[in-house]
PDB file of all heavy atoms in Angstrom:
ATOM      1  N   SER A   1     125.431  27.394  31.722  1.00  0.00           N
ATOM      2  CA  SER A   1     125.293  26.587  32.930  1.00  0.00           C
ATOM      3  C   SER A   1     124.352  25.405  32.785  1.00  0.00           C
ATOM      4  O   SER A   1     124.193  24.630  33.711  1.00  0.00           O
ATOM      5  CB  SER A   1     124.777  27.463  34.083  1.00  0.00           C
ATOM      6  OG  SER A   1     123.502  27.996  33.767  1.00  0.00           O
ATOM      7  N   GLY A   2     123.713  25.247  31.647  1.00  0.00           N
ATOM      8  CA  GLY A   2     122.714  24.197  31.499  1.00  0.00           C
ATOM      9  C   GLY A   2     123.218  22.998  30.730  1.00  0.00           C
ATOM     10  O   GLY A   2     124.410  22.722  30.644  1.00  0.00           O
ATOM     11  N   ASP A   3     122.262  22.280  30.140  1.00  0.00           N
ATOM     12  CA  ASP A   3     122.578  21.034  29.466  1.00  0.00           C
ATOM     13  C   ASP A   3     122.879  21.211  27.975  1.00  0.00           C
ATOM     14  O   ASP A   3     123.346  20.288  27.323  1.00  0.00           O
ATOM     15  CB  ASP A   3     121.395  20.070  29.598  1.00  0.00           C
ATOM     16  CG  ASP A   3     121.062  19.791  31.055  1.00  0.00           C
ATOM     17  OD1 ASP A   3     122.010  19.689  31.848  1.00  0.00           O
ATOM     18  OD2 ASP A   3     119.871  19.685  31.377  1.00  0.00           O
ATOM     19  N   VAL A   4     122.579  22.396  27.431  1.00  0.00           N
ATOM     20  CA  VAL A   4     122.740  22.630  26.002  1.00  0.00           C
ATOM     21  C   VAL A   4     123.769  23.720  25.793  1.00  0.00           C
ATOM     22  O   VAL A   4     123.727  24.761  26.439  1.00  0.00           O
ATOM     23  CB  VAL A   4     121.396  23.065  25.365  1.00  0.00           C
ATOM     24  CG1 VAL A   4     121.543  23.211  23.860  1.00  0.00           C
ATOM     25  CG2 VAL A   4     120.298  22.075  25.713  1.00  0.00           C
ATOM     26  N   ASP A   5     124.739  23.511  24.887  1.00  0.00           N
ATOM     27  CA  ASP A   5     125.803  24.479  24.672  1.00  0.00           C
ATOM     28  C   ASP A   5     125.358  25.517  23.654  1.00  0.00           C
ATOM     29  O   ASP A   5     125.440  25.304  22.446  1.00  0.00           O
ATOM     30  CB  ASP A   5     127.070  23.764  24.199  1.00  0.00           C
ATOM     31  CG  ASP A   5     128.259  24.710  24.171  1.00  0.00           C
ATOM     32  OD1 ASP A   5     128.070  25.918  24.430  1.00  0.00           O
ATOM     33  OD2 ASP A   5     129.380  24.259  23.885  1.00  0.00           O
ATOM     34  N   LEU A   6     124.874  26.636  24.157  1.00  0.00           N
ATOM     35  CA  LEU A   6     124.416  27.710  23.290  1.00  0.00           C
ATOM     36  C   LEU A   6     125.192  29.004  23.529  1.00  0.00           C
ATOM     37  O   LEU A   6     124.887  30.028  22.918  1.00  0.00           O
ATOM     38  CB  LEU A   6     122.928  27.980  23.535  1.00  0.00           C
ATOM     39  CG  LEU A   6     121.951  26.866  23.181  1.00  0.00           C
ATOM     40  CD1 LEU A   6     120.575  27.197  23.737  1.00  0.00           C
ATOM     41  CD2 LEU A   6     121.883  26.667  21.689  1.00  0.00           C
ATOM     42  N   ALA A   7     126.192  28.977  24.404  1.00  0.00           N
ATOM     43  CA  ALA A   7     126.854  30.217  24.805  1.00  0.00           C
ATOM     44  C   ALA A   7     127.547  30.899  23.630  1.00  0.00           C
ATOM     45  O   ALA A   7     127.423  32.114  23.438  1.00  0.00           O
ATOM     46  CB  ALA A   7     127.859  29.925  25.927  1.00  0.00           C
ATOM     47  N   ALA A   8     128.295  30.135  22.830  1.00  0.00           N
ATOM     48  CA  ALA A   8     129.022  30.744  21.713  1.00  0.00           C
ATOM     49  C   ALA A   8     128.061  31.330  20.681  1.00  0.00           C
ATOM     50  O   ALA A   8     128.327  32.395  20.100  1.00  0.00           O
ATOM     51  CB  ALA A   8     129.934  29.704  21.050  1.00  0.00           C
ATOM     52  N   GLU A   9     126.936  30.662  20.456  1.00  0.00           N
ATOM     53  CA  GLU A   9     125.938  31.179  19.523  1.00  0.00           C
ATOM     54  C   GLU A   9     125.349  32.484  20.036  1.00  0.00           C
ATOM     55  O   GLU A   9     125.154  33.438  19.268  1.00  0.00           O
ATOM     56  CB  GLU A   9     124.835  30.138  19.322  1.00  0.00           C
ATOM     57  CG  GLU A   9     123.620  30.615  18.533  1.00  0.00           C
ATOM     58  CD  GLU A   9     123.863  30.764  17.038  1.00  0.00           C
ATOM     59  OE1 GLU A   9     125.032  30.696  16.612  1.00  0.00           O
ATOM     60  OE2 GLU A   9     122.890  30.968  16.303  1.00  0.00           O
ATOM     61  N   ALA A  10     125.075  32.563  21.344  1.00  0.00           N
ATOM     62  CA  ALA A  10     124.532  33.801  21.912  1.00  0.00           C
ATOM     63  C   ALA A  10     125.533  34.939  21.787  1.00  0.00           C
ATOM     64  O   ALA A  10     125.162  36.080  21.476  1.00  0.00           O
ATOM     65  CB  ALA A  10     124.157  33.576  23.377  1.00  0.00           C
ATOM     66  N   ILE A  11     126.810  34.660  22.009  1.00  0.00           N
ATOM     67  CA  ILE A  11     127.844  35.696  21.865  1.00  0.00           C
ATOM     68  C   ILE A  11     127.927  36.155  20.418  1.00  0.00           C
ATOM     69  O   ILE A  11     128.029  37.355  20.123  1.00  0.00           O
ATOM     70  CB  ILE A  11     129.205  35.175  22.367  1.00  0.00           C
ATOM     71  CG1 ILE A  11     129.172  34.986  23.884  1.00  0.00           C
ATOM     72  CG2 ILE A  11     130.327  36.135  21.974  1.00  0.00           C
ATOM     73  CD1 ILE A  11     130.418  34.356  24.457  1.00  0.00           C
ATOM     74  N   ARG A  12     127.868  35.212  19.496  1.00  0.00           N
ATOM     75  CA  ARG A  12     127.946  35.561  18.069  1.00  0.00           C
ATOM     76  C   ARG A  12     126.822  36.519  17.689  1.00  0.00           C
ATOM     77  O   ARG A  12     127.053  37.538  17.021  1.00  0.00           O
ATOM     78  CB  ARG A  12     127.861  34.288  17.229  1.00  0.00           C
ATOM     79  CG  ARG A  12     127.977  34.512  15.726  1.00  0.00           C
ATOM     80  CD  ARG A  12     127.875  33.183  14.983  1.00  0.00           C
ATOM     81  NE  ARG A  12     126.517  32.690  14.951  1.00  0.00           N
ATOM     82  CZ  ARG A  12     125.629  32.981  13.999  1.00  0.00           C
ATOM     83  NH1 ARG A  12     125.958  33.817  13.016  1.00  0.00           N
ATOM     84  NH2 ARG A  12     124.409  32.468  14.031  1.00  0.00           N
ATOM     85  N   LEU A  13     125.598  36.214  18.116  1.00  0.00           N
ATOM     86  CA  LEU A  13     124.458  37.053  17.765  1.00  0.00           C
ATOM     87  C   LEU A  13     124.524  38.412  18.462  1.00  0.00           C
ATOM     88  O   LEU A  13     124.152  39.434  17.886  1.00  0.00           O
ATOM     89  CB  LEU A  13     123.161  36.331  18.118  1.00  0.00           C
ATOM     90  CG  LEU A  13     122.869  35.072  17.298  1.00  0.00           C
ATOM     91  CD1 LEU A  13     121.649  34.343  17.850  1.00  0.00           C
ATOM     92  CD2 LEU A  13     122.669  35.405  15.829  1.00  0.00           C
ATOM     93  N   THR A  14     125.023  38.422  19.694  1.00  0.00           N
ATOM     94  CA  THR A  14     125.138  39.699  20.408  1.00  0.00           C
ATOM     95  C   THR A  14     126.203  40.572  19.768  1.00  0.00           C
ATOM     96  O   THR A  14     126.065  41.804  19.721  1.00  0.00           O
ATOM     97  CB  THR A  14     125.440  39.458  21.897  1.00  0.00           C
ATOM     98  OG1 THR A  14     124.468  38.555  22.436  1.00  0.00           O
ATOM     99  CG2 THR A  14     125.381  40.753  22.683  1.00  0.00           C
ATOM    100  N   ARG A  15     127.271  39.970  19.268  1.00  0.00           N
ATOM    101  CA  ARG A  15     128.277  40.742  18.523  1.00  0.00           C
ATOM    102  C   ARG A  15     127.627  41.400  17.300  1.00  0.00           C
ATOM    103  O   ARG A  15     127.896  42.576  16.994  1.00  0.00           O
ATOM    104  CB  ARG A  15     129.410  39.831  18.054  1.00  0.00           C
ATOM    105  CG  ARG A  15     130.418  39.434  19.103  1.00  0.00           C
ATOM    106  CD  ARG A  15     131.632  38.824  18.406  1.00  0.00           C
ATOM    107  NE  ARG A  15     132.533  38.177  19.316  1.00  0.00           N
ATOM    108  CZ  ARG A  15     133.422  38.804  20.084  1.00  0.00           C
ATOM    109  NH1 ARG A  15     133.471  40.119  20.051  1.00  0.00           N
ATOM    110  NH2 ARG A  15     134.235  38.116  20.872  1.00  0.00           N
ATOM    111  N   GLN A  16     126.816  40.641  16.594  1.00  0.00           N
ATOM    112  CA  GLN A  16     126.146  41.195  15.415  1.00  0.00           C
ATOM    113  C   GLN A  16     125.258  42.367  15.805  1.00  0.00           C
ATOM    114  O   GLN A  16     125.239  43.407  15.132  1.00  0.00           O
ATOM    115  CB  GLN A  16     125.304  40.120  14.731  1.00  0.00           C
ATOM    116  CG  GLN A  16     126.104  39.046  14.013  1.00  0.00           C
ATOM    117  CD  GLN A  16     125.209  38.076  13.270  1.00  0.00           C
ATOM    118  OE1 GLN A  16     123.998  38.284  13.170  1.00  0.00           O
ATOM    119  NE2 GLN A  16     125.789  37.009  12.741  1.00  0.00           N
ATOM    120  N   LEU A  17     124.513  42.204  16.904  1.00  0.00           N
ATOM    121  CA  LEU A  17     123.622  43.268  17.350  1.00  0.00           C
ATOM    122  C   LEU A  17     124.426  44.498  17.776  1.00  0.00           C
ATOM    123  O   LEU A  17     124.033  45.640  17.485  1.00  0.00           O
ATOM    124  CB  LEU A  17     122.762  42.763  18.503  1.00  0.00           C
ATOM    125  CG  LEU A  17     121.624  43.671  18.970  1.00  0.00           C
ATOM    126  CD1 LEU A  17     120.702  44.045  17.811  1.00  0.00           C
ATOM    127  CD2 LEU A  17     120.841  42.993  20.090  1.00  0.00           C
ATOM    128  N   ALA A  18     125.551  44.281  18.448  1.00  0.00           N
ATOM    129  CA  ALA A  18     126.398  45.398  18.874  1.00  0.00           C
ATOM    130  C   ALA A  18     126.974  46.146  17.677  1.00  0.00           C
ATOM    131  O   ALA A  18     127.174  47.366  17.730  1.00  0.00           O
ATOM    132  CB  ALA A  18     127.528  44.891  19.769  1.00  0.00           C
ATOM    133  N   ALA A  19     127.235  45.425  16.584  1.00  0.00           N
ATOM    134  CA  ALA A  19     127.767  46.067  15.385  1.00  0.00           C
ATOM    135  C   ALA A  19     126.709  46.925  14.686  1.00  0.00           C
ATOM    136  O   ALA A  19     127.043  47.859  13.956  1.00  0.00           O
ATOM    137  CB  ALA A  19     128.291  45.012  14.416  1.00  0.00           C
ATOM    138  N   ARG A  20     125.438  46.624  14.947  1.00  0.00           N
ATOM    139  CA  ARG A  20     124.349  47.349  14.290  1.00  0.00           C
ATOM    140  C   ARG A  20     123.899  48.576  15.078  1.00  0.00           C
ATOM    141  O   ARG A  20     123.275  49.475  14.526  1.00  0.00           O
ATOM    142  CB  ARG A  20     123.124  46.432  14.133  1.00  0.00           C
ATOM    143  CG  ARG A  20     123.311  45.269  13.194  1.00  0.00           C
ATOM    144  CD  ARG A  20     121.979  44.530  13.094  1.00  0.00           C
ATOM    145  NE  ARG A  20     122.077  43.319  12.279  1.00  0.00           N
ATOM    146  CZ  ARG A  20     121.039  42.565  11.978  1.00  0.00           C
ATOM    147  NH1 ARG A  20     119.831  42.891  12.423  1.00  0.00           N
ATOM    148  NH2 ARG A  20     121.186  41.476  11.235  1.00  0.00           N
ATOM    149  N   THR A  21     124.147  48.582  16.381  1.00  0.00           N
ATOM    150  CA  THR A  21     123.591  49.654  17.207  1.00  0.00           C
ATOM    151  C   THR A  21     124.590  50.078  18.273  1.00  0.00           C
ATOM    152  O   THR A  21     125.438  49.289  18.677  1.00  0.00           O
ATOM    153  CB  THR A  21     122.288  49.182  17.900  1.00  0.00           C
ATOM    154  OG1 THR A  21     121.819  50.219  18.758  1.00  0.00           O
ATOM    155  CG2 THR A  21     122.517  47.927  18.719  1.00  0.00           C
ATOM    156  N   LYS A  22     124.471  51.303  18.734  1.00  0.00           N
ATOM    157  CA  LYS A  22     125.319  51.811  19.815  1.00  0.00           C
ATOM    158  C   LYS A  22     124.592  51.760  21.160  1.00  0.00           C
ATOM    159  O   LYS A  22     125.008  52.409  22.114  1.00  0.00           O
ATOM    160  CB  LYS A  22     125.726  53.267  19.515  1.00  0.00           C
ATOM    161  CG  LYS A  22     126.580  53.419  18.268  1.00  0.00           C
ATOM    162  CD  LYS A  22     127.864  52.622  18.371  1.00  0.00           C
ATOM    163  CE  LYS A  22     128.750  52.816  17.137  1.00  0.00           C
ATOM    164  NZ  LYS A  22     129.971  51.979  17.223  1.00  0.00           N
ATOM    165  N   HIS A  23     123.524  51.000  21.228  1.00  0.00           N
ATOM    166  CA  HIS A  23     122.740  50.855  22.455  1.00  0.00           C
ATOM    167  C   HIS A  23     123.653  50.370  23.587  1.00  0.00           C
ATOM    168  O   HIS A  23     124.303  49.326  23.476  1.00  0.00           O
ATOM    169  CB  HIS A  23     121.608  49.859  22.208  1.00  0.00           C
ATOM    170  CG  HIS A  23     120.534  49.873  23.243  1.00  0.00           C
ATOM    171  ND1 HIS A  23     120.763  49.547  24.549  1.00  0.00           N
ATOM    172  CD2 HIS A  23     119.205  50.174  23.168  1.00  0.00           C
ATOM    173  CE1 HIS A  23     119.640  49.630  25.244  1.00  0.00           C
ATOM    174  NE2 HIS A  23     118.676  50.010  24.420  1.00  0.00           N
ATOM    175  N   GLU A  24     123.698  51.130  24.685  1.00  0.00           N
ATOM    176  CA  GLU A  24     124.642  50.817  25.761  1.00  0.00           C
ATOM    177  C   GLU A  24     124.339  49.482  26.438  1.00  0.00           C
ATOM    178  O   GLU A  24     125.255  48.804  26.917  1.00  0.00           O
ATOM    179  CB  GLU A  24     124.662  51.934  26.814  1.00  0.00           C
ATOM    180  CG  GLU A  24     123.328  52.276  27.432  1.00  0.00           C
ATOM    181  CD  GLU A  24     122.495  53.185  26.547  1.00  0.00           C
ATOM    182  OE1 GLU A  24     123.049  53.778  25.589  1.00  0.00           O
ATOM    183  OE2 GLU A  24     121.286  53.303  26.816  1.00  0.00           O
ATOM    184  N   GLU A  25     123.074  49.048  26.465  1.00  0.00           N
ATOM    185  CA  GLU A  25     122.772  47.771  27.087  1.00  0.00           C
ATOM    186  C   GLU A  25     123.152  46.599  26.190  1.00  0.00           C
ATOM    187  O   GLU A  25     123.421  45.509  26.688  1.00  0.00           O
ATOM    188  CB  GLU A  25     121.286  47.691  27.459  1.00  0.00           C
ATOM    189  CG  GLU A  25     120.959  48.309  28.806  1.00  0.00           C
ATOM    190  CD  GLU A  25     121.569  47.519  29.961  1.00  0.00           C
ATOM    191  OE1 GLU A  25     122.766  47.719  30.234  1.00  0.00           O
ATOM    192  OE2 GLU A  25     120.861  46.707  30.574  1.00  0.00           O
ATOM    193  N   VAL A  26     123.190  46.802  24.884  1.00  0.00           N
ATOM    194  CA  VAL A  26     123.728  45.767  23.998  1.00  0.00           C
ATOM    195  C   VAL A  26     125.203  45.559  24.323  1.00  0.00           C
ATOM    196  O   VAL A  26     125.681  44.427  24.460  1.00  0.00           O
ATOM    197  CB  VAL A  26     123.543  46.150  22.516  1.00  0.00           C
ATOM    198  CG1 VAL A  26     124.201  45.100  21.618  1.00  0.00           C
ATOM    199  CG2 VAL A  26     122.060  46.279  22.173  1.00  0.00           C
ATOM    200  N   ALA A  27     125.927  46.671  24.466  1.00  0.00           N
ATOM    201  CA  ALA A  27     127.346  46.577  24.837  1.00  0.00           C
ATOM    202  C   ALA A  27     127.497  45.958  26.223  1.00  0.00           C
ATOM    203  O   ALA A  27     128.408  45.146  26.460  1.00  0.00           O
ATOM    204  CB  ALA A  27     127.979  47.968  24.800  1.00  0.00           C
ATOM    205  N   GLY A  28     126.602  46.320  27.150  1.00  0.00           N
ATOM    206  CA  GLY A  28     126.677  45.743  28.490  1.00  0.00           C
ATOM    207  C   GLY A  28     126.476  44.242  28.474  1.00  0.00           C
ATOM    208  O   GLY A  28     127.188  43.502  29.167  1.00  0.00           O
ATOM    209  N   LEU A  29     125.529  43.768  27.674  1.00  0.00           N
ATOM    210  CA  LEU A  29     125.293  42.333  27.587  1.00  0.00           C
ATOM    211  C   LEU A  29     126.474  41.615  26.945  1.00  0.00           C
ATOM    212  O   LEU A  29     126.883  40.544  27.399  1.00  0.00           O
ATOM    213  CB  LEU A  29     124.015  42.047  26.799  1.00  0.00           C
ATOM    214  CG  LEU A  29     123.669  40.566  26.616  1.00  0.00           C
ATOM    215  CD1 LEU A  29     123.520  39.859  27.957  1.00  0.00           C
ATOM    216  CD2 LEU A  29     122.398  40.395  25.787  1.00  0.00           C
ATOM    217  N   LEU A  30     127.024  42.193  25.888  1.00  0.00           N
ATOM    218  CA  LEU A  30     128.189  41.577  25.247  1.00  0.00           C
ATOM    219  C   LEU A  30     129.345  41.484  26.231  1.00  0.00           C
ATOM    220  O   LEU A  30     130.015  40.436  26.328  1.00  0.00           O
ATOM    221  CB  LEU A  30     128.589  42.380  24.015  1.00  0.00           C
ATOM    222  CG  LEU A  30     129.826  41.865  23.270  1.00  0.00           C
ATOM    223  CD1 LEU A  30     129.635  40.427  22.820  1.00  0.00           C
ATOM    224  CD2 LEU A  30     130.139  42.765  22.066  1.00  0.00           C
ATOM    225  N   ALA A  31     129.598  42.554  26.986  1.00  0.00           N
ATOM    226  CA  ALA A  31     130.673  42.528  27.976  1.00  0.00           C
ATOM    227  C   ALA A  31     130.426  41.451  29.017  1.00  0.00           C
ATOM    228  O   ALA A  31     131.343  40.697  29.392  1.00  0.00           O
ATOM    229  CB  ALA A  31     130.785  43.901  28.646  1.00  0.00           C
ATOM    230  N   LEU A  32     129.187  41.339  29.496  1.00  0.00           N
ATOM    231  CA  LEU A  32     128.840  40.328  30.497  1.00  0.00           C
ATOM    232  C   LEU A  32     129.105  38.928  29.968  1.00  0.00           C
ATOM    233  O   LEU A  32     129.700  38.085  30.657  1.00  0.00           O
ATOM    234  CB  LEU A  32     127.370  40.487  30.879  1.00  0.00           C
ATOM    235  CG  LEU A  32     126.791  39.451  31.847  1.00  0.00           C
ATOM    236  CD1 LEU A  32     127.490  39.518  33.194  1.00  0.00           C
ATOM    237  CD2 LEU A  32     125.290  39.656  32.008  1.00  0.00           C
ATOM    238  N   MET A  33     128.680  38.672  28.733  1.00  0.00           N
ATOM    239  CA  MET A  33     128.903  37.352  28.139  1.00  0.00           C
ATOM    240  C   MET A  33     130.389  37.038  28.021  1.00  0.00           C
ATOM    241  O   MET A  33     130.840  35.932  28.361  1.00  0.00           O
ATOM    242  CB  MET A  33     128.254  37.299  26.760  1.00  0.00           C
ATOM    243  CG  MET A  33     126.740  37.266  26.764  1.00  0.00           C
ATOM    244  SD  MET A  33     126.113  37.239  25.059  1.00  0.00           S
ATOM    245  CE  MET A  33     124.356  37.017  25.344  1.00  0.00           C
ATOM    246  N   LEU A  34     131.164  37.989  27.533  1.00  0.00           N
ATOM    247  CA  LEU A  34     132.597  37.756  27.340  1.00  0.00           C
ATOM    248  C   LEU A  34     133.293  37.482  28.667  1.00  0.00           C
ATOM    249  O   LEU A  34     134.144  36.583  28.759  1.00  0.00           O
ATOM    250  CB  LEU A  34     133.232  38.963  26.648  1.00  0.00           C
ATOM    251  CG  LEU A  34     132.779  39.223  25.204  1.00  0.00           C
ATOM    252  CD1 LEU A  34     133.325  40.560  24.716  1.00  0.00           C
ATOM    253  CD2 LEU A  34     133.218  38.098  24.273  1.00  0.00           C
ATOM    254  N   LEU A  35     132.943  38.249  29.695  1.00  0.00           N
ATOM    255  CA  LEU A  35     133.596  38.077  30.995  1.00  0.00           C
ATOM    256  C   LEU A  35     133.229  36.746  31.632  1.00  0.00           C
ATOM    257  O   LEU A  35     134.078  36.080  32.244  1.00  0.00           O
ATOM    258  CB  LEU A  35     133.204  39.239  31.917  1.00  0.00           C
ATOM    259  CG  LEU A  35     133.820  40.590  31.520  1.00  0.00           C
ATOM    260  CD1 LEU A  35     133.085  41.744  32.196  1.00  0.00           C
ATOM    261  CD2 LEU A  35     135.299  40.624  31.869  1.00  0.00           C
ATOM    262  N   HIS A  36     131.987  36.316  31.497  1.00  0.00           N
ATOM    263  CA  HIS A  36     131.603  35.005  32.024  1.00  0.00           C
ATOM    264  C   HIS A  36     132.235  33.880  31.205  1.00  0.00           C
ATOM    265  O   HIS A  36     132.718  32.891  31.759  1.00  0.00           O
ATOM    266  CB  HIS A  36     130.077  34.855  32.017  1.00  0.00           C
ATOM    267  CG  HIS A  36     129.419  35.447  33.223  1.00  0.00           C
ATOM    268  ND1 HIS A  36     129.804  35.157  34.509  1.00  0.00           N
ATOM    269  CD2 HIS A  36     128.386  36.329  33.346  1.00  0.00           C
ATOM    270  CE1 HIS A  36     129.045  35.817  35.364  1.00  0.00           C
ATOM    271  NE2 HIS A  36     128.178  36.544  34.680  1.00  0.00           N
ATOM    272  N   HIS A  37     132.219  34.020  29.887  1.00  0.00           N
ATOM    273  CA  HIS A  37     132.751  32.968  29.021  1.00  0.00           C
ATOM    274  C   HIS A  37     134.250  32.805  29.228  1.00  0.00           C
ATOM    275  O   HIS A  37     134.786  31.698  29.065  1.00  0.00           O
ATOM    276  CB  HIS A  37     132.456  33.301  27.563  1.00  0.00           C
ATOM    277  CG  HIS A  37     132.377  32.104  26.679  1.00  0.00           C
ATOM    278  ND1 HIS A  37     131.387  31.147  26.791  1.00  0.00           N
ATOM    279  CD2 HIS A  37     133.171  31.681  25.657  1.00  0.00           C
ATOM    280  CE1 HIS A  37     131.569  30.204  25.884  1.00  0.00           C
ATOM    281  NE2 HIS A  37     132.641  30.502  25.190  1.00  0.00           N
ATOM    282  N   ALA A  38     134.931  33.882  29.598  1.00  0.00           N
ATOM    283  CA  ALA A  38     136.377  33.818  29.829  1.00  0.00           C
ATOM    284  C   ALA A  38     136.724  32.853  30.960  1.00  0.00           C
ATOM    285  O   ALA A  38     137.803  32.245  30.960  1.00  0.00           O
ATOM    286  CB  ALA A  38     136.912  35.211  30.149  1.00  0.00           C
TER     287      ALA A  38
END
């Protein structure tokens, strides 16, 4: 929503974090990003 396009980079890093851990809030954040980005 701001002036700098960082959304795709944030999704990329969250995907990496989700691949490393089964932490449910990591998955929750990834889902939130994907649904908003859609």
